[in-house]
C-alpha cells in the first residue's frame, strides 16, 4: 500500500459511532462484503475512505465481489484498492469515490488470477 500512514483507519467502535449501528451489524457488513476490514496491530479496522458520510460506499461491494471472483484475497483486495494504480492514474478507491465504478471494475477483472 502506498501512503498507508496517510489513510485514516476506523475500528469497530469507531464504525458503531459513525454508522449508528451495533457491533454485530458492523461485523455483518464486513462478512457480507459491504465493507472490507483488515487487522492492523491486532485490531480489525476499515479505511475511512470506504465510507460515504455515515454509510458504506455503495460502489465498494460490487467491486469487492469482482476482486474476489478475480482471485484476490481480502488483503490483496485491500492493498489494490488503496495503492495507486497506473491504469487509473489514482488509487482504485479514489476512482470509485469519484464515480469511475465501471472503469475500476474493468481494471480489476483484467488483473484476475
Protein backbone atom coordinates (compact mmCIF):
# COMPACT_ATOMS: atom_id res chain seq x y z
CA UNK A 1 0.00 0.00 0.00
CA UNK A 2 1.26 3.42 -0.77
CA UNK A 3 0.91 6.16 1.81
CA UNK A 4 -0.78 3.83 4.31
CA UNK A 5 0.25 6.25 7.04
CA UNK A 6 -1.98 8.92 5.46
CA UNK A 7 -5.04 6.65 5.46
CA UNK A 8 -7.46 7.13 8.34
CA UNK A 9 -8.48 3.75 9.78
CA UNK A 10 -11.64 3.16 11.80
CA UNK A 11 -12.09 0.46 14.43
CA UNK A 12 -15.37 -1.39 15.02
CA UNK A 13 -16.25 1.02 17.90
CA UNK A 14 -15.48 3.97 15.59
CA UNK A 15 -17.79 2.46 12.95
CA UNK A 16 -20.53 1.83 15.54
CA UNK A 17 -20.45 5.52 16.43
CA UNK A 18 -20.15 6.74 12.83
CA UNK A 19 -22.84 4.49 11.30
CA UNK A 20 -25.14 4.43 14.32
CA UNK A 21 -25.48 0.63 14.38
CA UNK A 22 -24.33 -2.08 16.78
CA UNK A 23 -21.05 -4.01 16.56
CA UNK A 24 -22.88 -7.12 15.32
CA UNK A 25 -24.19 -5.15 12.34
CA UNK A 26 -20.67 -3.86 11.61
CA UNK A 27 -19.38 -7.43 11.57
CA UNK A 28 -22.22 -8.45 9.22
CA UNK A 29 -21.34 -5.58 6.87
CA UNK A 30 -17.81 -6.99 6.74
CA UNK A 31 -18.99 -10.61 6.34
CA UNK A 32 -21.37 -9.59 3.54
CA UNK A 33 -18.53 -7.74 1.77
CA UNK A 34 -20.29 -4.41 2.06
CA UNK A 35 -17.17 -3.24 3.89
CA UNK A 36 -13.65 -4.66 3.84
CA UNK A 37 -11.63 -4.77 7.04
CA UNK A 38 -8.05 -5.68 7.83
CA UNK A 39 -6.28 -6.48 11.09
CA UNK A 40 -3.79 -3.74 11.82
CA UNK A 41 -1.77 -4.04 15.03
CA UNK A 42 -4.15 -6.85 16.02
CA UNK A 43 -7.27 -4.68 15.70
CA UNK A 44 -9.89 -5.03 12.96
CA UNK A 45 -10.01 -1.74 11.03
CA UNK A 46 -11.71 -0.28 7.95
CA UNK A 47 -10.28 2.62 5.91
CA UNK A 48 -12.43 5.72 6.32
CA UNK A 49 -12.28 6.03 2.52
CA UNK A 50 -14.67 3.05 2.36
CA UNK A 51 -17.44 5.22 3.82
CA UNK A 52 -19.55 7.91 2.21
CA UNK A 53 -20.78 10.11 5.03
CA UNK A 54 -22.44 7.84 7.56
CA UNK A 55 -22.81 4.75 5.37
CA UNK A 56 -20.63 2.31 3.42
CA UNK A 57 -19.62 3.47 -0.07
CA UNK A 58 -22.23 1.84 -2.33
CA UNK A 59 -19.75 1.10 -5.14
CA UNK A 60 -17.46 -0.88 -2.86
CA UNK A 61 -19.50 -4.10 -2.52
CA UNK A 62 -19.70 -4.91 -6.24
CA UNK A 63 -16.03 -4.10 -6.65
CA UNK A 64 -15.12 -6.43 -3.76
CA UNK A 65 -17.14 -9.20 -5.44
CA UNK A 66 -15.32 -8.61 -8.75
CA UNK A 67 -11.96 -8.77 -6.93
CA UNK A 68 -12.92 -12.00 -5.12
CA UNK A 69 -14.07 -13.51 -8.42
CA UNK A 70 -10.72 -12.48 -9.92
CA UNK A 71 -8.91 -14.48 -7.21
CA UNK A 72 -7.92 -11.68 -4.83
CA UNK A 73 -7.67 -12.43 -1.12
CA UNK A 74 -9.07 -9.78 1.23
CA UNK A 75 -5.56 -8.50 1.95
CA UNK A 76 -4.73 -8.32 -1.76
CA UNK A 77 -8.02 -6.52 -2.45
CA UNK A 78 -7.31 -4.03 0.35
CA UNK A 79 -3.80 -3.37 -0.94
CA UNK A 80 -5.01 -2.92 -4.52
CA UNK A 81 -7.86 -0.60 -3.55
CA UNK A 82 -5.58 1.69 -1.54
CA UNK A 83 -2.47 1.75 -3.75
CA UNK A 84 -2.07 3.98 -6.78
CA UNK A 85 -2.91 2.14 -9.99
CA UNK A 86 -1.11 3.40 -13.11
CA UNK A 87 -4.02 2.45 -15.37
CA UNK A 88 -6.43 4.56 -13.31
CA UNK A 89 -3.96 7.33 -12.50
CA UNK A 90 -5.04 7.21 -8.86
CA UNK A 91 -5.95 4.62 -6.26
CA UNK A 92 -8.93 2.45 -7.16
CA UNK A 93 -10.82 3.62 -4.05
CA UNK A 94 -10.37 7.26 -5.06
CA UNK A 95 -11.55 6.39 -8.59
CA UNK A 96 -14.64 4.69 -7.09
CA UNK A 97 -15.32 7.73 -4.92
CA UNK A 98 -15.16 9.96 -8.00
CA UNK A 99 -17.75 7.93 -9.91
CA UNK A 100 -15.49 5.73 -12.06
CA UNK A 101 -17.02 2.41 -10.93
CA UNK A 102 -17.15 0.72 -14.36
CA UNK A 103 -13.53 1.62 -15.12
CA UNK A 104 -12.31 0.35 -11.74
CA UNK A 105 -14.16 -2.94 -12.17
CA UNK A 106 -12.78 -3.42 -15.71
CA UNK A 107 -9.24 -2.97 -14.40
CA UNK A 108 -9.95 -5.36 -11.50
CA UNK A 109 -11.28 -8.03 -13.89
CA UNK A 110 -8.23 -7.65 -16.14
CA UNK A 111 -5.97 -8.36 -13.15
CA UNK A 112 -7.70 -11.67 -12.42
CA UNK A 113 -5.52 -14.61 -11.49
